């Protein structure tokens, strides 16, 4: 082998380094972006999972109740009267039921995904239910269940991003 074939020049895209004094520092403009750690999503607490499933089931029932009533109102007797969950409501009320059911389903989905807005929405609704129960002097088992849920959600708020 000849000596010229062993000593190769650097590729044209490689930076050249001048080792003499007073040379400028090497500047490379094709580096990948700096690495930054991704936030770790904490595990879903069991109580929040149970609560989101209960909210989803109740939202689905409310949504179906409103939708079945609206079907019977506008399309005749599509659904037998024995299957209707609500019977004495007007179409506006049934529309509101459909809307409330959809909101409950979205809150349940967001609670499952550990979104902070869903946590605070649920806490606010529980606080309203507690205040209503307290000021109407109806402190029952339901009041205690709401109180336990309220305290529990405040203690697991660090699991929400």
Protein backbone atom coordinates (compact mmCIF):
# COMPACT_ATOMS: atom_id res chain seq x y z
CA UNK A 1 0.00 0.00 0.00
CA UNK A 2 1.21 3.42 -0.75
CA UNK A 3 1.59 6.10 1.87
CA UNK A 4 -0.87 8.43 0.13
CA UNK A 5 -3.69 5.88 0.40
CA UNK A 6 -3.19 5.55 4.19
CA UNK A 7 -3.34 9.26 4.99
CA UNK A 8 -6.78 10.45 4.10
CA UNK A 9 -8.21 13.93 4.32
CA UNK A 10 -11.24 14.46 6.59
CA UNK A 11 -14.61 14.41 4.87
CA UNK A 12 -15.87 17.70 3.53
CA UNK A 13 -18.61 17.97 6.17
CA UNK A 14 -16.23 17.45 9.11
CA UNK A 15 -15.10 20.60 10.94
CA UNK A 16 -11.46 21.47 10.65
CA UNK A 17 -9.53 22.22 13.82
CA UNK A 18 -6.72 24.68 13.85
CA UNK A 19 -4.42 23.99 16.83
CA UNK A 20 -2.48 27.25 16.54
CA UNK A 21 -2.69 29.91 19.21
CA UNK A 22 -5.31 32.54 18.69
CA UNK A 23 -7.58 30.33 16.65
CA UNK A 24 -11.31 30.68 17.10
CA UNK A 25 -13.21 28.06 19.12
CA UNK A 26 -14.88 25.29 17.21
CA UNK A 27 -18.52 26.06 16.41
CA UNK A 28 -20.78 23.22 15.35
CA UNK A 29 -24.31 24.04 14.26
CA UNK A 30 -25.67 20.56 13.62
CA UNK A 31 -25.93 19.15 17.14
CA UNK A 32 -29.21 17.55 18.28
CA UNK A 33 -31.37 19.49 20.74
CA UNK A 34 -30.44 19.28 24.39
CA UNK A 35 -32.00 16.39 26.31
CA UNK A 36 -34.48 17.18 29.02
CA UNK A 37 -36.24 14.57 31.16
CA UNK A 38 -39.93 13.97 30.54
CA UNK A 39 -42.21 14.25 33.56
CA UNK A 40 -43.23 10.93 35.04
CA UNK A 41 -46.98 10.42 35.30
CA UNK A 42 -47.75 8.99 38.74
CA UNK A 43 -49.91 5.90 39.03
CA UNK A 44 -53.67 6.35 39.12
CA UNK A 45 -54.90 6.06 42.74
CA UNK A 46 -57.44 3.29 43.24
CA UNK A 47 -60.04 5.60 44.76
CA UNK A 48 -59.83 8.00 41.83
CA UNK A 49 -60.23 5.08 39.40
CA UNK A 50 -63.32 3.88 41.30
CA UNK A 51 -64.76 7.41 41.44
CA UNK A 52 -64.19 8.01 37.73
CA UNK A 53 -65.92 4.72 36.89
CA UNK A 54 -68.92 5.69 39.06
CA UNK A 55 -69.08 9.14 37.46
CA UNK A 56 -68.88 7.57 33.98
CA UNK A 57 -71.70 5.12 34.75
CA UNK A 58 -73.94 7.86 36.15
CA UNK A 59 -73.13 10.12 33.18
CA UNK A 60 -74.00 7.33 30.77
CA UNK A 61 -77.33 6.68 32.55
CA UNK A 62 -78.22 10.40 32.50
CA UNK A 63 -77.23 10.72 28.83
CA UNK A 64 -79.26 7.66 27.81
CA UNK A 65 -82.26 8.84 29.86
CA UNK A 66 -82.32 12.18 28.07
CA UNK A 67 -81.68 10.65 24.65
CA UNK A 68 -84.45 8.04 25.01
CA UNK A 69 -86.95 10.70 26.05
CA UNK A 70 -85.95 12.90 23.10
CA UNK A 71 -86.32 9.93 20.73
CA UNK A 72 -89.87 9.32 21.95
CA UNK A 73 -90.72 13.01 21.81
CA UNK A 74 -89.61 13.65 18.24
CA UNK A 75 -89.94 10.24 16.54
CA UNK A 76 -93.08 8.83 18.15
CA UNK A 77 -93.04 5.68 20.20
CA UNK A 78 -89.62 4.41 19.20
CA UNK A 79 -88.79 3.26 22.71
CA UNK A 80 -91.43 1.49 24.85
CA UNK A 81 -92.65 3.59 27.75
CA UNK A 82 -91.49 0.95 30.22
CA UNK A 83 -87.87 1.56 29.18
CA UNK A 84 -87.97 5.31 29.77
CA UNK A 85 -85.97 6.34 32.82
CA UNK A 86 -87.58 9.77 33.06
CA UNK A 87 -91.19 10.27 32.04
CA UNK A 88 -92.26 13.69 33.27
CA UNK A 89 -89.80 16.06 31.65
CA UNK A 90 -90.12 18.41 28.70
CA UNK A 91 -87.79 18.35 25.66
CA UNK A 92 -85.67 21.20 27.05
CA UNK A 93 -85.13 19.25 30.26
CA UNK A 94 -84.22 16.14 28.27
CA UNK A 95 -81.71 18.17 26.26
CA UNK A 96 -80.19 19.41 29.50
CA UNK A 97 -79.98 15.81 30.70
CA UNK A 98 -78.08 14.85 27.54
CA UNK A 99 -75.71 17.79 28.05
CA UNK A 100 -75.13 16.96 31.74
CA UNK A 101 -74.51 13.32 30.85
CA UNK A 102 -71.91 14.31 28.25
CA UNK A 103 -70.18 16.62 30.75
CA UNK A 104 -70.12 13.84 33.37
CA UNK A 105 -68.58 11.45 30.84
CA UNK A 106 -65.88 13.97 29.94
CA UNK A 107 -65.08 14.65 33.60
CA UNK A 108 -64.83 10.91 34.25
CA UNK A 109 -62.50 10.49 31.30
CA UNK A 110 -60.34 13.39 32.47
CA UNK A 111 -60.23 12.03 36.03
CA UNK A 112 -59.02 8.72 34.62
CA UNK A 113 -56.33 10.60 32.66
CA UNK A 114 -55.38 12.48 35.86
CA UNK A 115 -56.06 15.96 34.52
CA UNK A 116 -56.01 18.68 37.13
CA UNK A 117 -59.11 20.52 35.89
CA UNK A 118 -61.23 17.42 36.40
CA UNK A 119 -59.96 17.06 39.96
CA UNK A 120 -60.87 20.64 40.84
CA UNK A 121 -64.23 20.36 39.08
CA UNK A 122 -65.06 17.28 41.14
CA UNK A 123 -63.85 18.94 44.34
CA UNK A 124 -66.00 22.01 43.61
CA UNK A 125 -69.11 19.88 42.98
CA UNK A 126 -68.49 17.93 46.18
CA UNK A 127 -68.03 21.16 48.10
CA UNK A 128 -71.34 22.46 46.73
CA UNK A 129 -73.09 19.23 47.72
CA UNK A 130 -71.56 19.43 51.20
CA UNK A 131 -72.61 23.06 51.65
CA UNK A 132 -76.13 22.33 50.45
CA UNK A 133 -76.46 19.32 52.76
CA UNK A 134 -75.06 21.25 55.71
CA UNK A 135 -77.22 24.35 55.31
CA UNK A 136 -80.41 22.39 54.74
CA UNK A 137 -79.71 20.44 57.94
CA UNK A 138 -79.71 17.11 56.15
CA UNK A 139 -76.54 15.61 57.55
CA UNK A 140 -76.96 11.97 56.63
CA UNK A 141 -74.81 9.10 55.43
CA UNK A 142 -74.68 10.77 52.00
CA UNK A 143 -73.17 13.87 53.63
CA UNK A 144 -70.48 11.72 55.25
CA UNK A 145 -69.73 9.96 51.93
CA UNK A 146 -69.35 13.36 50.22
CA UNK A 147 -67.10 14.54 53.06
CA UNK A 148 -64.85 11.47 52.82
CA UNK A 149 -64.61 11.86 49.02
CA UNK A 150 -63.83 15.57 49.40
CA UNK A 151 -61.00 14.92 51.86
CA UNK A 152 -59.69 12.00 49.81
CA UNK A 153 -59.52 14.03 46.60
CA UNK A 154 -57.66 16.80 48.39
CA UNK A 155 -55.10 14.31 49.70
CA UNK A 156 -54.42 12.71 46.30
CA UNK A 157 -54.14 15.98 44.36
CA UNK A 158 -50.38 15.51 43.95
CA UNK A 159 -51.08 12.61 41.57
CA UNK A 160 -52.67 14.98 39.05
CA UNK A 161 -50.61 16.82 36.46
